[in-house]
Amino acid sequence: MRKALRWLLALVVLIGTLSTAGAATAAQPQTTDTDIKDQLLAIPGMSLIEEKPYTGYRFFVLNYTQPIDHRHPSKGTFQQRITVLHKDTSRPTVFYTGGYNVSTNPGRREPTQIVDGNQVSMEYRFFTPSRPAPADWSKLDIWQAASDQHRIFKALKKIYDKKWISTGGSKGGMTATYYERFYPRDMDGVVAYVAPNDVVNKEDSAYDRFFANVGTKECRDRLNAVQREALVRREPLEKKYAEYAAAEGLTFNTIGSLDKAYEAVVLDYVWGFWQYSLLADCDSDTIPKDAKAATDDEIWTSIDTISGFSAYADQGLQTYTPYYYQAGTQLGAPTIEFPHIEKKYIRYGYQPPRDFVPRDIPMKFQPFAMRDVDTWVRHNANRMLFVYGQNDPWGAEPFHLGKGARDSYVFTAPGLNHGANVAGLVADEKALATARILEWAGVASAAVQADPDTAKPLAKYDAKLDKRDIEREMTLRP
């Protein structure tokens, strides 16, 4: 494998040597005649929410006026939050979205550190406060969201006129992929992390195969036993749940009952462990070694720590209504089996996204949306990098590359979960991925072009900006 990767490295670097001029090192902030804030606010529809100081950067939280419907721009607008982490207009720019709310604190994604560039981050439409009022939910789809990114890019490209790389993790990786599918001429490269690809929503056997083989048998058995025991002890633990809900003011109108919410949380348990934890965590005190001998409190604490008993209450679901709407209309959602739990203990199974969205919001699934994206990626991917974690359930259905793909890659980080990144790849793949990102961004140095094994991030690690914690979300959300 190492020989093959070194050959591939040599080939892509030769191509890059012919197309990229000049070397790049970590850039220092520069001043311009016009203040960057004034340049940003001169864009029609752009307004300032706040600026936050950060050494070596300017960080802005902004609103940008977007059409509710990009096909009919005259039919109303809404304010979409974006942030700009400004380094220098002479540097490349990374366009990031997590697919949910945007953080309003300075932060730097891995590609931004690699290229030592600027970063534009977008809040996904319909996540508050970036939601039209009143909300026409039919305007929440992957094309409309990609068109949001397209308009932001066109507006900011006039200021940041160097290369652009789009990126995102999980639903953000999906978003970056959909953006490339609909606007393939905008970006100079795509880095999509842990992006699920549910091509056929009703065919989910890949997830069952994943859970039958992930990690070790010892760990799987230990987790399965705790999950089963939580359903065996349903009556006393639901009593505890009712007391907890009353104390926290939780209600269950959307999902329909505390009983349905309880089972949903418990059935998330094994998935949630592998999504957010590592194999070594199976030996932690959070996972009872002998589920049958564990106390009710120990079972409760384990389930709550990993799944979270507030997840399917109205208060837990409200923020994520846009995600569940999309899962039930275009993205698809997984359904898995539980062979280690007798059917008599399972009343509902994995519930569909429809159960997590208020009934006054209409939903109809579009089975061809993901097939279209999957087909496009297989045949048209160009300068796209997909990174997955070996032990991440969401990677059970990944994107694949076909014969039509060019300068594109799918890599898997051994032993990693939903937080997999380039830094976690094996050495040859890490070098290749880093070298390609630098090349796509137009900042591959002469040294990297001569020897891609030397490729490293151009910016030094910053403990605050580059915190690599997984963005922990509700379990059955990418």
Protein backbone atom coordinates (compact mmCIF):
# COMPACT_ATOMS: atom_id res chain seq x y z
CA MET A 1 0.00 0.00 0.00
CA ARG A 2 2.81 2.37 0.86
CA LYS A 3 4.45 1.90 -2.55
CA ALA A 4 1.14 2.49 -4.35
CA LEU A 5 0.42 5.63 -2.37
CA ARG A 6 3.90 7.00 -2.96
CA TRP A 7 3.40 6.48 -6.70
CA LEU A 8 0.08 8.29 -6.51
CA LEU A 9 1.68 11.06 -4.46
CA ALA A 10 4.36 11.51 -7.09
CA LEU A 11 1.79 11.68 -9.87
CA VAL A 12 -0.50 14.24 -8.25
CA VAL A 13 2.44 16.35 -7.12
CA LEU A 14 3.84 16.38 -10.67
CA ILE A 15 0.46 17.64 -11.85
CA GLY A 16 0.41 20.18 -9.03
CA THR A 17 3.94 21.37 -9.89
CA LEU A 18 2.76 22.24 -13.36
CA SER A 19 -0.36 24.05 -12.16
CA THR A 20 0.72 25.81 -8.98
CA ALA A 21 3.33 28.50 -8.83
CA GLY A 22 5.14 29.68 -5.75
CA ALA A 23 5.69 28.32 -2.28
CA ALA A 24 3.60 28.99 0.78
CA THR A 25 4.41 29.20 4.46
CA ALA A 26 2.36 30.28 7.44
CA ALA A 27 1.02 33.70 6.61
CA GLN A 28 1.18 36.74 8.82
CA PRO A 29 -1.79 39.13 8.97
CA GLN A 30 -1.45 42.09 6.65
CA THR A 31 -3.14 45.42 6.54
CA THR A 32 -5.04 46.80 3.57
CA ASP A 33 -6.06 50.29 2.61
CA THR A 34 -9.72 49.47 3.31
CA ASP A 35 -10.59 47.88 6.64
CA ILE A 36 -11.92 44.35 6.20
CA LYS A 37 -15.02 45.14 8.22
CA ASP A 38 -15.86 47.98 5.86
CA GLN A 39 -15.34 45.67 2.89
CA LEU A 40 -17.66 43.05 4.36
CA LEU A 41 -20.37 45.54 5.26
CA ALA A 42 -20.21 47.07 1.79
CA ILE A 43 -21.71 43.84 0.44
CA PRO A 44 -25.44 44.37 -0.26
CA GLY A 45 -27.52 42.54 2.34
CA MET A 46 -24.65 42.10 4.82
CA SER A 47 -24.96 43.47 8.36
CA LEU A 48 -22.83 43.18 11.48
CA ILE A 49 -24.05 41.40 14.60
CA GLU A 50 -20.76 41.62 16.48
CA GLU A 51 -16.99 41.47 16.17
CA LYS A 52 -14.95 39.43 18.63
CA PRO A 53 -11.21 39.90 19.03
CA TYR A 54 -8.73 37.07 18.48
CA THR A 55 -4.97 37.45 18.16
CA GLY A 56 -3.84 37.17 14.54
CA TYR A 57 -7.39 37.27 13.17
CA ARG A 58 -10.51 39.39 12.87
CA PHE A 59 -13.69 37.51 13.72
CA PHE A 60 -17.11 38.73 12.64
CA VAL A 61 -20.63 37.43 13.27
CA LEU A 62 -22.83 38.65 10.44
CA ASN A 63 -26.30 38.46 8.97
CA TYR A 64 -26.76 38.03 5.24
CA THR A 65 -30.08 38.57 3.48
CA GLN A 66 -31.14 35.46 1.56
CA PRO A 67 -34.20 34.66 -0.56
CA ILE A 68 -36.58 32.23 1.08
CA ASP A 69 -36.91 30.59 -2.33
CA HIS A 70 -33.94 30.90 -4.68
CA ARG A 71 -36.18 29.98 -7.61
CA HIS A 72 -38.44 32.92 -6.81
CA PRO A 73 -36.29 35.57 -5.07
CA SER A 74 -39.09 38.12 -5.05
CA LYS A 75 -41.18 36.03 -2.66
CA GLY A 76 -39.54 37.17 0.57
CA THR A 77 -36.21 37.03 2.37
CA PHE A 78 -34.73 35.96 5.68
CA GLN A 79 -31.57 36.73 7.64
CA GLN A 80 -28.94 33.98 7.61
CA ARG A 81 -26.11 34.01 10.14
CA ILE A 82 -22.57 33.57 8.94
CA THR A 83 -19.21 34.12 10.57
CA VAL A 84 -15.91 35.22 9.04
CA LEU A 85 -12.57 34.33 10.59
CA HIS A 86 -10.37 36.75 8.67
CA LYS A 87 -6.66 36.07 8.26
CA ASP A 88 -5.68 37.88 5.09
CA THR A 89 -7.24 38.41 1.67
CA SER A 90 -4.05 37.02 0.13
CA ARG A 91 -4.74 33.63 1.75
CA PRO A 92 -7.14 30.88 0.57
CA THR A 93 -10.56 30.61 2.17
CA VAL A 94 -12.29 27.59 3.72
CA PHE A 95 -16.10 27.52 3.54
CA TYR A 96 -17.44 25.50 6.47
CA THR A 97 -20.84 24.41 7.66
CA GLY A 98 -21.77 21.82 10.25
CA GLY A 99 -25.26 21.56 8.75
CA TYR A 100 -26.84 22.95 11.90
CA ASN A 101 -26.42 26.14 13.95
CA VAL A 102 -23.22 28.12 13.51
CA SER A 103 -20.90 28.77 16.44
CA THR A 104 -20.52 32.46 17.23
CA ASN A 105 -17.10 31.96 18.82
CA PRO A 106 -13.83 31.90 16.87
CA GLY A 107 -12.88 28.41 15.74
CA ARG A 108 -10.76 26.89 13.00
CA ARG A 109 -11.58 23.70 11.11
CA GLU A 110 -8.83 21.27 10.13
CA PRO A 111 -8.55 22.42 6.47
CA THR A 112 -8.30 26.03 7.66
CA GLN A 113 -5.31 25.13 9.83
CA ILE A 114 -3.77 23.10 7.02
CA VAL A 115 -3.90 25.97 4.50
CA ASP A 116 -3.48 28.77 7.07
CA GLY A 117 -6.41 30.59 5.57
CA ASN A 118 -9.59 32.50 6.19
CA GLN A 119 -12.76 30.70 7.19
CA VAL A 120 -16.37 31.48 6.35
CA SER A 121 -18.94 29.50 8.34
CA MET A 122 -22.63 29.29 7.48
CA GLU A 123 -25.64 28.50 9.61
CA TYR A 124 -27.91 26.05 7.81
CA ARG A 125 -31.25 27.51 6.76
CA PHE A 126 -34.21 26.98 9.11
CA PHE A 127 -32.01 26.53 12.18
CA THR A 128 -32.97 29.44 14.40
CA PRO A 129 -32.40 32.30 14.15
CA SER A 130 -31.75 31.67 10.43
CA ARG A 131 -35.38 30.74 9.82
CA PRO A 132 -37.95 32.57 7.70
CA ALA A 133 -41.04 33.76 9.54
CA PRO A 134 -43.50 32.31 8.81
CA ALA A 135 -41.60 29.16 7.90
CA ASP A 136 -42.51 27.53 4.60
CA TRP A 137 -40.93 24.14 5.26
CA SER A 138 -41.15 23.14 1.61
CA LYS A 139 -38.25 25.56 1.05
CA LEU A 140 -35.96 23.49 3.27
CA ASP A 141 -34.14 21.18 0.90
CA ILE A 142 -30.59 20.45 -0.19
CA TRP A 143 -30.79 22.56 -3.35
CA GLN A 144 -32.03 25.65 -1.51
CA ALA A 145 -29.26 25.25 1.09
CA ALA A 146 -26.63 24.80 -1.63
CA SER A 147 -27.96 27.95 -3.24
CA ASP A 148 -27.50 29.79 0.07
CA GLN A 149 -23.82 28.81 -0.03
CA HIS A 150 -23.53 29.79 -3.67
CA ARG A 151 -24.81 33.31 -3.01
CA ILE A 152 -22.53 33.74 0.01
CA PHE A 153 -19.56 32.55 -2.03
CA LYS A 154 -20.31 34.92 -4.90
CA ALA A 155 -20.65 37.84 -2.50
CA LEU A 156 -17.41 37.12 -0.62
CA LYS A 157 -15.32 36.00 -3.60
CA LYS A 158 -14.98 39.68 -4.52
CA ILE A 159 -13.02 40.16 -1.29
CA TYR A 160 -11.42 36.73 -0.89
CA ASP A 161 -10.34 36.12 -4.46
CA LYS A 162 -7.86 33.28 -3.87
CA LYS A 163 -8.71 29.57 -3.84
CA TRP A 164 -11.69 28.24 -1.88
CA ILE A 165 -12.12 24.85 -0.18
CA SER A 166 -15.48 23.73 1.19
CA THR A 167 -15.67 21.47 4.22
CA GLY A 168 -17.94 20.14 6.91
CA GLY A 169 -18.31 17.22 9.29
CA SER A 170 -21.19 14.77 9.42
CA LYS A 171 -24.28 16.61 8.14
CA GLY A 172 -21.83 19.35 7.25
CA GLY A 173 -19.88 16.86 5.13
CA MET A 174 -23.11 15.94 3.42
CA THR A 175 -23.82 19.63 2.89
CA ALA A 176 -20.40 20.26 1.33
CA THR A 177 -21.04 17.33 -1.02
CA TYR A 178 -24.48 18.55 -2.05
CA TYR A 179 -23.08 22.03 -2.64
CA GLU A 180 -20.46 20.55 -4.98
CA ARG A 181 -23.12 18.54 -6.79
CA PHE A 182 -25.26 21.60 -7.57
CA TYR A 183 -22.50 24.22 -7.96
CA PRO A 184 -19.40 22.27 -9.08
CA ARG A 185 -17.62 25.37 -10.41
CA ASP A 186 -17.59 27.31 -7.12
CA MET A 187 -15.01 25.48 -5.02
CA ASP A 188 -11.43 24.48 -5.78
CA GLY A 189 -11.67 21.43 -3.52
CA VAL A 190 -13.96 19.65 -1.05
CA VAL A 191 -13.05 17.97 2.26
CA ALA A 192 -16.07 16.06 3.56
CA TYR A 193 -15.72 14.41 6.95
CA VAL A 194 -17.80 11.40 8.11
CA ALA A 195 -20.56 12.11 5.59
CA PRO A 196 -23.34 9.47 5.50
CA ASN A 197 -24.73 8.49 2.11
CA ASP A 198 -28.14 6.84 2.52
CA VAL A 199 -28.83 6.12 -1.14
CA VAL A 200 -31.77 3.75 -0.63
CA ASN A 201 -33.59 4.70 2.54
CA LYS A 202 -35.33 1.36 3.00
CA GLU A 203 -32.14 -0.71 2.62
CA ASP A 204 -30.18 -0.41 5.86
CA SER A 205 -28.57 -3.84 6.22
CA ALA A 206 -25.12 -2.19 6.11
CA TYR A 207 -25.77 -0.84 9.60
CA ASP A 208 -26.67 -4.29 10.91
CA ARG A 209 -23.43 -5.70 9.49
CA PHE A 210 -21.52 -2.85 11.09
CA PHE A 211 -22.91 -3.50 14.58
CA ALA A 212 -22.29 -7.23 14.24
CA ASN A 213 -18.57 -6.67 13.70
CA VAL A 214 -17.49 -3.33 15.18
CA GLY A 215 -14.89 -3.33 17.94
CA THR A 216 -14.55 -6.58 19.87
CA LYS A 217 -17.12 -9.23 20.81
CA GLU A 218 -16.46 -8.50 24.46
CA CYS A 219 -17.33 -4.83 24.05
CA ARG A 220 -20.35 -5.53 21.84
CA ASP A 221 -21.73 -8.02 24.35
CA ARG A 222 -21.22 -5.60 27.21
CA LEU A 223 -23.05 -2.76 25.47
CA ASN A 224 -25.83 -5.01 24.21
CA ALA A 225 -26.43 -6.35 27.71
CA VAL A 226 -26.87 -2.87 29.18
CA GLN A 227 -29.24 -1.88 26.39
CA ARG A 228 -31.33 -5.02 26.84
CA GLU A 229 -31.41 -4.63 30.63
CA ALA A 230 -32.76 -1.08 30.28
CA LEU A 231 -35.78 -2.50 28.44
CA VAL A 232 -36.19 -5.45 30.82
CA ARG A 233 -36.37 -2.93 33.69
CA ARG A 234 -38.65 -0.61 31.77
CA GLU A 235 -41.20 -0.14 34.55
CA PRO A 236 -38.90 1.07 37.37
CA LEU A 237 -36.70 3.09 35.02
CA GLU A 238 -39.67 4.78 33.36
CA LYS A 239 -40.86 5.77 36.82
CA LYS A 240 -37.46 7.38 37.36
CA TYR A 241 -37.77 8.99 33.92
CA ALA A 242 -41.16 10.48 34.82
CA GLU A 243 -39.71 11.98 37.97
CA TYR A 244 -36.77 13.37 35.98
CA ALA A 245 -39.11 14.83 33.34
CA ALA A 246 -41.28 16.49 35.96
CA ALA A 247 -38.27 18.02 37.68
CA GLU A 248 -36.85 19.32 34.38
CA GLY A 249 -40.16 20.43 32.90
CA LEU A 250 -39.93 18.04 29.97
CA THR A 251 -42.94 17.26 27.78
CA PHE A 252 -43.51 14.65 25.07
CA ASN A 253 -46.17 16.04 22.76
CA THR A 254 -44.22 15.61 19.51
CA ILE A 255 -43.12 12.00 19.97
CA GLY A 256 -46.42 11.17 21.64
CA SER A 257 -45.57 9.70 25.05
CA LEU A 258 -42.89 9.26 27.66
CA ASP A 259 -42.91 5.54 26.84
CA LYS A 260 -41.98 6.15 23.21
CA ALA A 261 -39.29 8.62 24.24
CA TYR A 262 -37.84 6.16 26.74
CA GLU A 263 -37.51 3.38 24.19
CA ALA A 264 -36.02 5.75 21.61
CA VAL A 265 -33.31 6.83 24.06
CA VAL A 266 -32.51 3.24 25.02
CA LEU A 267 -32.33 2.04 21.41
CA ASP A 268 -29.87 4.85 20.67
CA TYR A 269 -27.46 3.56 23.30
CA VAL A 270 -25.19 1.23 21.31
CA TRP A 271 -25.18 3.54 18.30
CA GLY A 272 -24.34 6.49 20.51
CA PHE A 273 -21.41 4.71 22.12
CA TRP A 274 -19.70 3.91 18.82
CA GLN A 275 -20.48 7.33 17.38
CA TYR A 276 -18.83 9.26 20.20
CA SER A 277 -16.55 6.83 22.03
CA LEU A 278 -13.49 4.71 21.32
CA LEU A 279 -13.07 0.99 21.89
CA ALA A 280 -10.95 1.68 24.98
CA ASP A 281 -13.93 3.49 26.54
CA CYS A 282 -15.79 0.19 26.76
CA ASP A 283 -13.78 -0.55 29.90
CA SER A 284 -14.84 2.66 31.62
CA ASP A 285 -17.02 2.74 34.71
CA THR A 286 -19.81 4.22 32.55
CA ILE A 287 -20.49 0.77 31.07
CA PRO A 288 -21.51 -1.77 33.76
CA LYS A 289 -19.50 -4.98 33.40
CA ASP A 290 -22.42 -7.17 34.51
CA ALA A 291 -25.68 -5.56 33.40
CA LYS A 292 -27.92 -8.02 35.22
CA ALA A 293 -26.12 -7.38 38.51
CA ALA A 294 -26.06 -3.59 38.04
CA THR A 295 -28.37 -1.35 40.03
CA ASP A 296 -31.18 0.62 38.41
CA ASP A 297 -29.18 3.78 38.98
CA GLU A 298 -26.14 2.31 37.22
CA ILE A 299 -28.21 1.32 34.17
CA TRP A 300 -29.93 4.71 34.15
CA THR A 301 -26.65 6.62 34.41
CA SER A 302 -25.05 4.63 31.61
CA ILE A 303 -27.97 5.19 29.23
CA ASP A 304 -28.26 8.86 30.17
CA THR A 305 -24.53 9.51 29.77
CA ILE A 306 -24.39 8.06 26.27
CA SER A 307 -27.88 8.70 24.86
CA GLY A 308 -29.32 11.49 27.02
CA PHE A 309 -32.83 11.18 28.44
CA SER A 310 -33.77 14.68 27.31
CA ALA A 311 -33.15 13.87 23.64
CA TYR A 312 -36.71 13.01 22.61
CA ALA A 313 -38.58 15.40 24.86
CA ASP A 314 -40.13 18.38 23.07
CA GLN A 315 -37.40 20.55 24.54
CA GLY A 316 -34.67 18.30 23.10
CA LEU A 317 -36.28 17.91 19.69
CA GLN A 318 -37.18 21.54 19.07
CA THR A 319 -33.72 22.73 18.04
CA TYR A 320 -33.33 19.87 15.58
CA THR A 321 -36.70 19.97 13.86
CA PRO A 322 -35.01 21.09 10.60
CA TYR A 323 -32.74 18.04 10.63
CA TYR A 324 -35.54 15.55 11.25
CA TYR A 325 -37.62 17.26 8.57
CA GLN A 326 -34.79 16.79 6.07
CA ALA A 327 -34.19 13.19 7.18
CA GLY A 328 -37.85 12.47 6.53
CA THR A 329 -38.02 14.26 3.18
CA GLN A 330 -34.64 13.79 1.45
CA LEU A 331 -31.67 12.61 3.53
CA GLY A 332 -33.08 9.33 4.77
CA ALA A 333 -32.65 7.79 8.22
CA PRO A 334 -31.27 4.44 9.42
CA THR A 335 -33.31 1.53 10.70
CA ILE A 336 -31.48 -1.31 12.45
CA GLU A 337 -32.33 -4.64 14.04
CA PHE A 338 -31.69 -5.70 17.65
CA PRO A 339 -31.02 -9.45 17.55
CA HIS A 340 -29.81 -9.42 21.17
CA ILE A 341 -33.18 -8.17 22.49
CA GLU A 342 -36.32 -10.30 22.49
CA LYS A 343 -39.17 -8.78 20.49
CA LYS A 344 -41.42 -8.69 23.55
CA TYR A 345 -39.26 -5.92 25.00
CA ILE A 346 -39.38 -3.68 21.92
CA ARG A 347 -42.64 -1.85 21.30
CA TYR A 348 -41.73 0.67 18.61
CA GLY A 349 -38.30 -0.07 17.15
CA TYR A 350 -36.28 2.70 15.50
CA GLN A 351 -38.88 5.36 15.00
CA PRO A 352 -39.02 7.31 11.71
CA PRO A 353 -38.19 11.04 11.47
CA ARG A 354 -41.90 11.78 11.12
CA ASP A 355 -42.29 10.95 14.84
CA PHE A 356 -39.83 13.71 15.76
CA VAL A 357 -41.41 16.56 13.77
CA PRO A 358 -44.56 18.41 14.89
CA ARG A 359 -47.60 17.10 13.03
CA ASP A 360 -48.55 20.52 11.67
CA ILE A 361 -45.44 20.41 9.44
CA PRO A 362 -46.22 18.31 6.33
CA MET A 363 -43.58 15.82 5.14
CA LYS A 364 -43.24 13.66 2.02
CA PHE A 365 -40.15 11.62 1.27
CA GLN A 366 -38.31 12.15 -2.04
CA PRO A 367 -36.51 8.84 -2.78
CA PHE A 368 -34.50 10.14 -5.72
CA ALA A 369 -32.70 13.02 -3.97
CA MET A 370 -29.86 10.93 -2.51
CA ARG A 371 -29.65 8.66 -5.55
CA ASP A 372 -29.02 11.72 -7.69
CA VAL A 373 -26.19 12.93 -5.43
CA ASP A 374 -24.64 9.47 -5.17
CA THR A 375 -24.66 9.00 -8.96
CA TRP A 376 -23.16 12.45 -9.49
CA VAL A 377 -20.32 11.84 -7.01
CA ARG A 378 -19.46 8.47 -8.53
CA HIS A 379 -19.19 9.87 -12.03
CA ASN A 380 -18.22 13.52 -11.55
CA ALA A 381 -16.26 13.95 -8.31
CA ASN A 382 -13.30 16.25 -8.89
CA ARG A 383 -10.89 17.31 -6.14
CA MET A 384 -13.02 15.73 -3.42
CA LEU A 385 -11.74 14.05 -0.24
CA PHE A 386 -14.00 11.92 1.97
CA VAL A 387 -12.72 10.94 5.43
CA TYR A 388 -14.45 8.31 7.59
CA GLY A 389 -13.87 6.68 10.97
CA GLN A 390 -13.54 2.89 11.08
CA ASN A 391 -15.77 2.57 14.17
CA ASP A 392 -18.33 5.24 13.26
CA PRO A 393 -21.82 3.85 12.56
CA TRP A 394 -22.54 6.67 10.11
CA GLY A 395 -19.71 5.42 7.92
CA ALA A 396 -21.54 2.15 7.25
CA GLU A 397 -23.03 3.79 4.16
CA PRO A 398 -20.26 6.00 2.75
CA PHE A 399 -19.76 7.80 -0.53
CA HIS A 400 -17.99 5.82 -3.26
CA LEU A 401 -15.98 6.95 -6.27
CA GLY A 402 -16.50 5.60 -9.78
CA LYS A 403 -14.42 5.65 -12.95
CA GLY A 404 -15.45 9.24 -13.68
CA ALA A 405 -13.94 10.61 -10.45
CA ARG A 406 -10.79 12.71 -10.81
CA ASP A 407 -8.23 13.63 -8.13
CA SER A 408 -10.64 12.38 -5.47
CA TYR A 409 -10.21 10.04 -2.50
CA VAL A 410 -12.06 8.07 0.18
CA PHE A 411 -9.97 7.35 3.29
CA THR A 412 -10.85 5.67 6.58
CA ALA A 413 -9.11 6.47 9.87
CA PRO A 414 -8.41 3.23 11.79
CA GLY A 415 -10.11 2.91 15.15
CA LEU A 416 -11.68 6.37 15.03
CA ASN A 417 -15.28 7.40 15.48
CA HIS A 418 -17.46 10.28 14.29
CA GLY A 419 -14.58 12.66 15.00
CA ALA A 420 -12.32 11.13 12.34
CA ASN A 421 -10.08 13.60 10.51
CA VAL A 422 -7.02 13.83 8.29
CA ALA A 423 -4.72 13.84 11.32
CA GLY A 424 -6.03 10.38 12.25
CA LEU A 425 -5.26 8.71 8.91
CA VAL A 426 -2.38 6.30 8.44
CA ALA A 427 0.85 8.07 7.50
CA ASP A 428 0.76 7.70 3.71
CA GLU A 429 -2.90 8.68 3.43
CA LYS A 430 -2.39 11.59 5.83
CA ALA A 431 0.49 12.88 3.69
CA LEU A 432 -1.49 12.48 0.48
CA ALA A 433 -4.61 14.15 1.91
CA THR A 434 -2.62 17.06 3.34
CA ALA A 435 -0.68 17.53 0.11
CA ARG A 436 -3.85 17.53 -1.97
CA ILE A 437 -5.59 20.06 0.29
CA LEU A 438 -2.56 22.35 0.05
CA GLU A 439 -2.50 21.91 -3.73
CA TRP A 440 -6.23 22.57 -4.14
CA ALA A 441 -5.85 25.71 -2.03
CA GLY A 442 -2.97 26.91 -4.18
CA VAL A 443 -0.46 26.95 -1.31
CA ALA A 444 1.57 23.76 -1.80
CA SER A 445 5.20 24.72 -1.21
CA ALA A 446 8.11 23.69 -3.40
CA ALA A 447 9.19 21.31 -0.64
CA VAL A 448 5.80 19.59 -0.59
CA GLN A 449 5.77 19.39 -4.37
CA ALA A 450 9.19 17.73 -4.25
CA ASP A 451 8.28 15.37 -1.40
CA PRO A 452 4.60 15.10 -0.39
CA ASP A 453 5.59 13.15 2.72
CA THR A 454 6.70 16.48 4.16
CA ALA A 455 3.20 17.98 3.88
CA LYS A 456 2.05 19.47 7.17
CA PRO A 457 -0.46 22.11 8.25
CA LEU A 458 0.88 25.58 7.52
CA ALA A 459 -0.55 27.10 10.69
CA LYS A 460 0.64 26.09 14.13
CA TYR A 461 -1.81 24.31 16.38
CA ASP A 462 -3.89 26.67 18.53
CA ALA A 463 -5.50 25.01 21.56
CA LYS A 464 -8.53 27.31 21.42
CA LEU A 465 -9.04 27.63 17.69
CA ASP A 466 -8.27 24.03 16.79
CA LYS A 467 -10.07 22.11 19.50
CA ARG A 468 -10.84 18.73 17.94
CA ASP A 469 -13.70 17.57 20.16
CA ILE A 470 -16.50 15.85 18.30
CA GLU A 471 -19.54 18.05 17.82
CA ARG A 472 -21.78 15.99 20.07
CA GLU A 473 -25.31 15.99 18.80
CA MET A 474 -28.33 13.80 19.44
CA THR A 475 -27.37 10.21 18.74
CA LEU A 476 -29.33 9.44 15.60
CA ARG A 477 -28.24 12.62 13.92
CA PRO A 478 -25.15 12.84 11.72
